[in-house]
Amino acid sequence: MSERILVPYDGSDPAEAALEFAFETFPDAGVTALYVVPVPEGYWQAFGAAEEIDRKRGRKRGEEILEEATAIAREHDRNLETVIETGKPDQMIVSQAEEEEYDTVVIGSHGREGVSRILLGSVAENVVRRSPTPVVVVR
């Protein structure tokens, strides 16, 4: 049975680096790119009517971003499975890793430090803390 790698992919430079790292480091593994459409939280969640429109827009954007990931896979002469989920990115990544029984998560990190990290949070850090499988953080 071949190894299965999950790469959260949002189109950012760190996500692209993580995807390329996965292809280069795990040449025989099946790789899946996961795009998470974030759901509004707090104050913005109160506007539920706009939420469905935002989800549709988010899915469309996710499809476009995953097309970019598929192009990167072709450059590496690799196949790529793609998945779009909706929710909190860190929670959906951990959930997907556990439920679909991935062997490794390869995630890009912006490498923020100090106040910007505290204010913006860190999806990669939360995934490292909660993932049931090994996580490789690419910077």
N, C-alpha and C. Protein backbone atom coordinates (compact mmCIF):
# COMPACT_ATOMS: atom_id res chain seq x y z
N MET A 1 0.85 -1.18 0.00
CA MET A 1 0.00 0.00 0.00
C MET A 1 0.89 1.24 0.00
N SER A 2 0.61 2.18 -0.88
CA SER A 2 1.44 3.37 -0.97
C SER A 2 1.01 4.41 0.05
N GLU A 3 1.93 5.27 0.36
CA GLU A 3 1.69 6.32 1.34
C GLU A 3 0.76 7.38 0.77
N ARG A 4 -0.04 7.97 1.66
CA ARG A 4 -0.98 9.03 1.28
C ARG A 4 -0.58 10.32 1.99
N ILE A 5 -0.42 11.38 1.21
CA ILE A 5 0.03 12.67 1.73
C ILE A 5 -1.08 13.69 1.53
N LEU A 6 -1.37 14.47 2.58
CA LEU A 6 -2.35 15.55 2.51
C LEU A 6 -1.61 16.88 2.54
N VAL A 7 -1.88 17.72 1.54
CA VAL A 7 -1.26 19.04 1.48
C VAL A 7 -2.36 20.10 1.47
N PRO A 8 -2.53 20.82 2.59
CA PRO A 8 -3.47 21.94 2.58
C PRO A 8 -2.95 22.98 1.59
N TYR A 9 -3.82 23.43 0.68
CA TYR A 9 -3.36 24.30 -0.40
C TYR A 9 -4.29 25.49 -0.56
N ASP A 10 -3.72 26.70 -0.41
CA ASP A 10 -4.51 27.92 -0.55
C ASP A 10 -3.98 28.86 -1.63
N GLY A 11 -3.04 28.38 -2.42
CA GLY A 11 -2.50 29.19 -3.50
C GLY A 11 -1.36 30.10 -3.08
N SER A 12 -1.03 30.15 -1.80
CA SER A 12 0.05 31.01 -1.32
C SER A 12 1.42 30.40 -1.67
N ASP A 13 2.45 31.21 -1.59
CA ASP A 13 3.81 30.72 -1.84
C ASP A 13 4.18 29.58 -0.89
N PRO A 14 3.89 29.69 0.44
CA PRO A 14 4.21 28.56 1.31
C PRO A 14 3.45 27.28 0.95
N ALA A 15 2.21 27.41 0.51
CA ALA A 15 1.44 26.23 0.13
C ALA A 15 2.04 25.59 -1.13
N GLU A 16 2.46 26.43 -2.06
CA GLU A 16 3.11 25.91 -3.27
C GLU A 16 4.41 25.20 -2.92
N ALA A 17 5.18 25.78 -2.00
CA ALA A 17 6.43 25.15 -1.57
C ALA A 17 6.15 23.81 -0.91
N ALA A 18 5.08 23.73 -0.12
CA ALA A 18 4.71 22.48 0.54
C ALA A 18 4.31 21.41 -0.48
N LEU A 19 3.56 21.81 -1.50
CA LEU A 19 3.14 20.87 -2.53
C LEU A 19 4.35 20.34 -3.30
N GLU A 20 5.25 21.23 -3.68
CA GLU A 20 6.45 20.80 -4.39
C GLU A 20 7.32 19.91 -3.51
N PHE A 21 7.43 20.25 -2.23
CA PHE A 21 8.18 19.42 -1.28
C PHE A 21 7.58 18.01 -1.22
N ALA A 22 6.26 17.94 -1.16
CA ALA A 22 5.59 16.63 -1.10
C ALA A 22 5.90 15.80 -2.34
N PHE A 23 5.85 16.43 -3.51
CA PHE A 23 6.14 15.69 -4.75
C PHE A 23 7.59 15.21 -4.78
N GLU A 24 8.51 16.06 -4.34
CA GLU A 24 9.93 15.72 -4.40
C GLU A 24 10.34 14.72 -3.31
N THR A 25 9.75 14.84 -2.13
CA THR A 25 10.16 14.02 -1.00
C THR A 25 9.45 12.67 -0.95
N PHE A 26 8.25 12.62 -1.49
CA PHE A 26 7.45 11.40 -1.47
C PHE A 26 7.10 11.01 -2.90
N PRO A 27 8.09 10.55 -3.68
CA PRO A 27 7.86 10.32 -5.12
C PRO A 27 6.85 9.22 -5.44
N ASP A 28 6.63 8.30 -4.53
CA ASP A 28 5.70 7.20 -4.81
C ASP A 28 4.37 7.34 -4.09
N ALA A 29 4.19 8.43 -3.37
CA ALA A 29 2.98 8.62 -2.57
C ALA A 29 1.85 9.22 -3.40
N GLY A 30 0.64 8.94 -2.97
CA GLY A 30 -0.52 9.61 -3.52
C GLY A 30 -0.68 10.94 -2.78
N VAL A 31 -0.81 12.02 -3.52
CA VAL A 31 -0.88 13.35 -2.90
C VAL A 31 -2.27 13.95 -3.15
N THR A 32 -2.83 14.52 -2.09
CA THR A 32 -4.12 15.19 -2.16
C THR A 32 -3.94 16.63 -1.72
N ALA A 33 -4.43 17.57 -2.53
CA ALA A 33 -4.43 18.98 -2.16
C ALA A 33 -5.81 19.31 -1.60
N LEU A 34 -5.82 19.91 -0.41
CA LEU A 34 -7.07 20.26 0.26
C LEU A 34 -7.20 21.78 0.33
N TYR A 35 -8.31 22.29 -0.20
CA TYR A 35 -8.62 23.72 -0.06
C TYR A 35 -9.80 23.83 0.89
N VAL A 36 -9.67 24.70 1.89
CA VAL A 36 -10.75 24.89 2.86
C VAL A 36 -11.36 26.27 2.65
N VAL A 37 -12.66 26.28 2.36
CA VAL A 37 -13.41 27.53 2.27
C VAL A 37 -13.72 27.94 3.71
N PRO A 38 -13.12 29.05 4.17
CA PRO A 38 -13.34 29.43 5.56
C PRO A 38 -14.77 29.93 5.78
N VAL A 39 -15.31 29.60 6.95
CA VAL A 39 -16.64 30.09 7.30
C VAL A 39 -16.48 31.33 8.16
N PRO A 40 -17.42 32.28 8.03
CA PRO A 40 -17.33 33.48 8.85
C PRO A 40 -17.51 33.14 10.32
N GLU A 41 -16.85 33.90 11.17
CA GLU A 41 -16.96 33.69 12.60
C GLU A 41 -17.42 34.97 13.28
N GLY A 42 -17.86 34.82 14.51
CA GLY A 42 -18.20 35.97 15.33
C GLY A 42 -19.27 36.85 14.71
N TYR A 43 -18.97 38.13 14.64
CA TYR A 43 -19.90 39.14 14.14
C TYR A 43 -20.41 38.81 12.74
N TRP A 44 -19.54 38.36 11.86
CA TRP A 44 -19.92 38.11 10.47
C TRP A 44 -20.81 36.90 10.31
N GLN A 45 -20.78 36.01 11.29
CA GLN A 45 -21.62 34.82 11.21
C GLN A 45 -23.10 35.17 11.34
N ALA A 46 -23.39 36.32 11.94
CA ALA A 46 -24.77 36.76 12.11
C ALA A 46 -25.46 37.04 10.78
N PHE A 47 -24.70 37.28 9.74
CA PHE A 47 -25.27 37.57 8.43
C PHE A 47 -25.40 36.29 7.61
N GLY A 48 -26.24 35.36 8.07
CA GLY A 48 -26.38 34.05 7.46
C GLY A 48 -26.85 34.07 6.02
N ALA A 49 -27.64 35.06 5.62
CA ALA A 49 -28.16 35.10 4.25
C ALA A 49 -27.02 35.22 3.25
N ALA A 50 -26.03 35.99 3.59
CA ALA A 50 -24.89 36.18 2.68
C ALA A 50 -23.95 34.99 2.72
N GLU A 51 -24.10 34.14 3.74
CA GLU A 51 -23.19 33.02 3.91
C GLU A 51 -23.22 32.05 2.73
N GLU A 52 -24.42 31.73 2.21
CA GLU A 52 -24.53 30.80 1.09
C GLU A 52 -23.84 31.36 -0.15
N ILE A 53 -24.01 32.65 -0.40
CA ILE A 53 -23.34 33.29 -1.54
C ILE A 53 -21.83 33.22 -1.35
N ASP A 54 -21.37 33.49 -0.13
CA ASP A 54 -19.94 33.44 0.15
C ASP A 54 -19.39 32.03 -0.03
N ARG A 55 -20.15 31.02 0.37
CA ARG A 55 -19.70 29.63 0.21
C ARG A 55 -19.57 29.27 -1.27
N LYS A 56 -20.56 29.70 -2.06
CA LYS A 56 -20.48 29.43 -3.50
C LYS A 56 -19.28 30.12 -4.11
N ARG A 57 -19.09 31.38 -3.73
CA ARG A 57 -17.92 32.11 -4.22
C ARG A 57 -16.63 31.45 -3.74
N GLY A 58 -16.64 31.01 -2.48
CA GLY A 58 -15.47 30.34 -1.91
C GLY A 58 -15.15 29.04 -2.61
N ARG A 59 -16.17 28.26 -2.94
CA ARG A 59 -15.95 27.00 -3.67
C ARG A 59 -15.38 27.28 -5.06
N LYS A 60 -15.94 28.31 -5.73
CA LYS A 60 -15.44 28.67 -7.06
C LYS A 60 -13.97 29.07 -6.98
N ARG A 61 -13.64 29.89 -5.98
CA ARG A 61 -12.25 30.30 -5.79
C ARG A 61 -11.38 29.09 -5.48
N GLY A 62 -11.89 28.17 -4.67
CA GLY A 62 -11.16 26.95 -4.35
C GLY A 62 -10.87 26.12 -5.59
N GLU A 63 -11.85 26.02 -6.48
CA GLU A 63 -11.66 25.27 -7.72
C GLU A 63 -10.54 25.90 -8.56
N GLU A 64 -10.54 27.24 -8.62
CA GLU A 64 -9.50 27.94 -9.38
C GLU A 64 -8.12 27.70 -8.77
N ILE A 65 -8.04 27.78 -7.46
CA ILE A 65 -6.76 27.57 -6.77
C ILE A 65 -6.28 26.14 -6.95
N LEU A 66 -7.19 25.18 -6.87
CA LEU A 66 -6.79 23.78 -7.04
C LEU A 66 -6.41 23.47 -8.48
N GLU A 67 -6.92 24.24 -9.44
CA GLU A 67 -6.45 24.09 -10.82
C GLU A 67 -4.97 24.46 -10.91
N GLU A 68 -4.57 25.48 -10.16
CA GLU A 68 -3.15 25.87 -10.11
C GLU A 68 -2.33 24.73 -9.51
N ALA A 69 -2.85 24.11 -8.46
CA ALA A 69 -2.15 22.99 -7.84
C ALA A 69 -2.01 21.82 -8.81
N THR A 70 -3.05 21.58 -9.59
CA THR A 70 -3.01 20.49 -10.58
C THR A 70 -1.96 20.79 -11.65
N ALA A 71 -1.82 22.05 -12.03
CA ALA A 71 -0.79 22.43 -13.00
C ALA A 71 0.61 22.16 -12.43
N ILE A 72 0.80 22.44 -11.15
CA ILE A 72 2.10 22.15 -10.51
C ILE A 72 2.35 20.64 -10.52
N ALA A 73 1.31 19.86 -10.28
CA ALA A 73 1.45 18.41 -10.31
C ALA A 73 1.89 17.94 -11.69
N ARG A 74 1.29 18.52 -12.73
CA ARG A 74 1.68 18.14 -14.10
C ARG A 74 3.14 18.47 -14.37
N GLU A 75 3.61 19.62 -13.85
CA GLU A 75 5.02 20.00 -14.02
C GLU A 75 5.95 18.96 -13.39
N HIS A 76 5.47 18.30 -12.34
CA HIS A 76 6.26 17.27 -11.65
C HIS A 76 5.91 15.87 -12.17
N ASP A 77 5.11 15.81 -13.24
CA ASP A 77 4.68 14.55 -13.83
C ASP A 77 4.00 13.66 -12.79
N ARG A 78 3.10 14.29 -12.01
CA ARG A 78 2.41 13.58 -10.94
C ARG A 78 0.91 13.78 -11.07
N ASN A 79 0.17 12.84 -10.51
CA ASN A 79 -1.28 12.98 -10.38
C ASN A 79 -1.57 13.67 -9.06
N LEU A 80 -2.69 14.36 -9.00
CA LEU A 80 -3.07 15.05 -7.78
C LEU A 80 -4.57 14.92 -7.58
N GLU A 81 -4.95 14.42 -6.43
CA GLU A 81 -6.36 14.41 -6.05
C GLU A 81 -6.62 15.75 -5.38
N THR A 82 -7.82 16.30 -5.58
CA THR A 82 -8.16 17.57 -4.95
C THR A 82 -9.47 17.43 -4.17
N VAL A 83 -9.53 18.17 -3.07
CA VAL A 83 -10.71 18.14 -2.20
C VAL A 83 -10.99 19.57 -1.75
N ILE A 84 -12.28 19.93 -1.72
CA ILE A 84 -12.70 21.22 -1.18
C ILE A 84 -13.63 20.95 -0.01
N GLU A 85 -13.33 21.55 1.13
CA GLU A 85 -14.16 21.45 2.32
C GLU A 85 -14.50 22.86 2.79
N THR A 86 -15.48 22.97 3.66
CA THR A 86 -15.87 24.26 4.23
C THR A 86 -15.79 24.17 5.74
N GLY A 87 -15.16 25.17 6.37
CA GLY A 87 -15.05 25.18 7.82
C GLY A 87 -13.85 25.99 8.28
N LYS A 88 -13.44 25.77 9.52
CA LYS A 88 -12.24 26.40 10.04
C LYS A 88 -11.05 25.64 9.46
N PRO A 89 -10.12 26.31 8.79
CA PRO A 89 -9.04 25.59 8.11
C PRO A 89 -8.29 24.59 8.98
N ASP A 90 -7.83 24.99 10.15
CA ASP A 90 -7.06 24.05 10.96
C ASP A 90 -7.89 22.83 11.37
N GLN A 91 -9.13 23.04 11.73
CA GLN A 91 -9.99 21.93 12.13
C GLN A 91 -10.29 21.00 10.96
N MET A 92 -10.52 21.58 9.79
CA MET A 92 -10.83 20.74 8.61
C MET A 92 -9.62 19.94 8.17
N ILE A 93 -8.44 20.52 8.27
CA ILE A 93 -7.22 19.80 7.89
C ILE A 93 -7.02 18.59 8.81
N VAL A 94 -7.13 18.81 10.11
CA VAL A 94 -6.97 17.72 11.08
C VAL A 94 -8.05 16.67 10.87
N SER A 95 -9.28 17.10 10.67
CA SER A 95 -10.39 16.17 10.46
C SER A 95 -10.15 15.33 9.20
N GLN A 96 -9.75 15.97 8.12
CA GLN A 96 -9.50 15.26 6.87
C GLN A 96 -8.36 14.25 7.04
N ALA A 97 -7.30 14.66 7.73
CA ALA A 97 -6.15 13.77 7.95
C ALA A 97 -6.58 12.53 8.72
N GLU A 98 -7.43 12.72 9.71
CA GLU A 98 -7.87 11.61 10.55
C GLU A 98 -8.90 10.73 9.84
N GLU A 99 -9.93 11.34 9.30
CA GLU A 99 -11.03 10.57 8.71
C GLU A 99 -10.62 9.82 7.45
N GLU A 100 -9.75 10.42 6.66
CA GLU A 100 -9.34 9.79 5.40
C GLU A 100 -8.04 9.00 5.53
N GLU A 101 -7.52 8.93 6.76
CA GLU A 101 -6.35 8.10 7.09
C GLU A 101 -5.12 8.43 6.24
N TYR A 102 -4.76 9.71 6.22
CA TYR A 102 -3.53 10.10 5.55
C TYR A 102 -2.35 9.72 6.42
N ASP A 103 -1.22 9.45 5.79
CA ASP A 103 -0.02 9.06 6.53
C ASP A 103 0.77 10.26 7.02
N THR A 104 0.73 11.35 6.25
CA THR A 104 1.49 12.55 6.59
C THR A 104 0.75 13.78 6.07
N VAL A 105 0.85 14.87 6.82
CA VAL A 105 0.36 16.17 6.37
C VAL A 105 1.59 17.02 6.08
N VAL A 106 1.64 17.62 4.90
CA VAL A 106 2.73 18.54 4.55
C VAL A 106 2.09 19.91 4.38
N ILE A 107 2.45 20.84 5.27
CA ILE A 107 1.80 22.14 5.29
C ILE A 107 2.83 23.26 5.20
N GLY A 108 2.49 24.27 4.44
CA GLY A 108 3.35 25.45 4.34
C GLY A 108 3.09 26.40 5.49
N SER A 109 4.11 27.14 5.86
CA SER A 109 3.97 28.12 6.94
C SER A 109 4.56 29.44 6.48
N HIS A 110 3.87 30.52 6.82
CA HIS A 110 4.36 31.85 6.48
C HIS A 110 5.52 32.25 7.37
N GLY A 111 5.70 31.55 8.49
CA GLY A 111 6.80 31.86 9.38
C GLY A 111 6.66 33.18 10.10
N ARG A 112 5.41 33.59 10.34
CA ARG A 112 5.20 34.84 11.08
C ARG A 112 5.69 34.69 12.51
N GLU A 113 6.13 35.80 13.06
CA GLU A 113 6.58 35.79 14.45
C GLU A 113 5.99 36.98 15.18
N GLY A 114 6.08 36.94 16.49
CA GLY A 114 5.70 38.09 17.30
C GLY A 114 4.23 38.43 17.21
N VAL A 115 3.95 39.73 17.17
CA VAL A 115 2.59 40.24 17.21
C VAL A 115 1.76 39.76 16.03
N SER A 116 2.32 39.71 14.81
CA SER A 116 1.51 39.29 13.66
C SER A 116 1.06 37.84 13.81
N ARG A 117 1.88 36.99 14.42
CA ARG A 117 1.49 35.60 14.63
C ARG A 117 0.37 35.52 15.66
N ILE A 118 0.48 36.33 16.72
CA ILE A 118 -0.55 36.32 17.76
C ILE A 118 -1.87 36.84 17.20
N LEU A 119 -1.82 37.91 16.43
CA LEU A 119 -3.03 38.50 15.89
C LEU A 119 -3.66 37.64 14.81
N LEU A 120 -2.85 37.04 13.96
CA LEU A 120 -3.38 36.29 12.83
C LEU A 120 -3.57 34.80 13.14
N GLY A 121 -2.96 34.32 14.21
CA GLY A 121 -3.05 32.91 14.52
C GLY A 121 -2.15 32.11 13.59
N SER A 122 -2.09 30.83 13.81
CA SER A 122 -1.25 30.00 12.97
C SER A 122 -1.94 28.67 12.69
N VAL A 123 -2.41 28.54 11.47
CA VAL A 123 -3.05 27.29 11.06
C VAL A 123 -2.05 26.15 11.18
N ALA A 124 -0.82 26.37 10.71
CA ALA A 124 0.19 25.31 10.75
C ALA A 124 0.44 24.86 12.19
N GLU A 125 0.55 25.82 13.10
CA GLU A 125 0.81 25.45 14.49
C GLU A 125 -0.33 24.63 15.07
N ASN A 126 -1.58 25.05 14.79
CA ASN A 126 -2.73 24.29 15.30
C ASN A 126 -2.79 22.89 14.70
N VAL A 127 -2.43 22.76 13.44
CA VAL A 127 -2.41 21.44 12.81
C VAL A 127 -1.34 20.56 13.46
N VAL A 128 -0.16 21.13 13.69
CA VAL A 128 0.92 20.37 14.34
C VAL A 128 0.46 19.88 15.71
N ARG A 129 -0.20 20.73 16.45
CA ARG A 129 -0.64 20.38 17.81
C ARG A 129 -1.74 19.32 17.82
N ARG A 130 -2.61 19.32 16.82
CA ARG A 130 -3.81 18.47 16.88
C ARG A 130 -3.82 17.28 15.93
N SER A 131 -2.92 17.25 14.98
CA SER A 131 -2.98 16.21 13.96
C SER A 131 -2.70 14.82 14.54
N PRO A 132 -3.48 13.83 14.11
CA PRO A 132 -3.26 12.45 14.54
C PRO A 132 -2.12 11.79 13.75
N THR A 133 -1.64 12.47 12.72
CA THR A 133 -0.57 11.92 11.89
C THR A 133 0.62 12.86 11.90
N PRO A 134 1.78 12.39 11.50
CA PRO A 134 2.96 13.27 11.44
C PRO A 134 2.71 14.45 10.50
N VAL A 135 3.28 15.59 10.86
CA VAL A 135 3.13 16.83 10.08
C VAL A 135 4.52 17.35 9.74
N VAL A 136 4.71 17.67 8.47
CA VAL A 136 5.94 18.31 8.01
C VAL A 136 5.57 19.75 7.69
N VAL A 137 6.28 20.70 8.32
CA VAL A 137 6.03 22.12 8.09
C VAL A 137 7.13 22.63 7.16
N VAL A 138 6.71 23.19 6.02
CA VAL A 138 7.66 23.71 5.02
C VAL A 138 7.63 25.23 5.08
N ARG A 139 8.83 25.83 5.20
CA ARG A 139 8.92 27.28 5.24
C ARG A 139 9.77 27.76 4.10
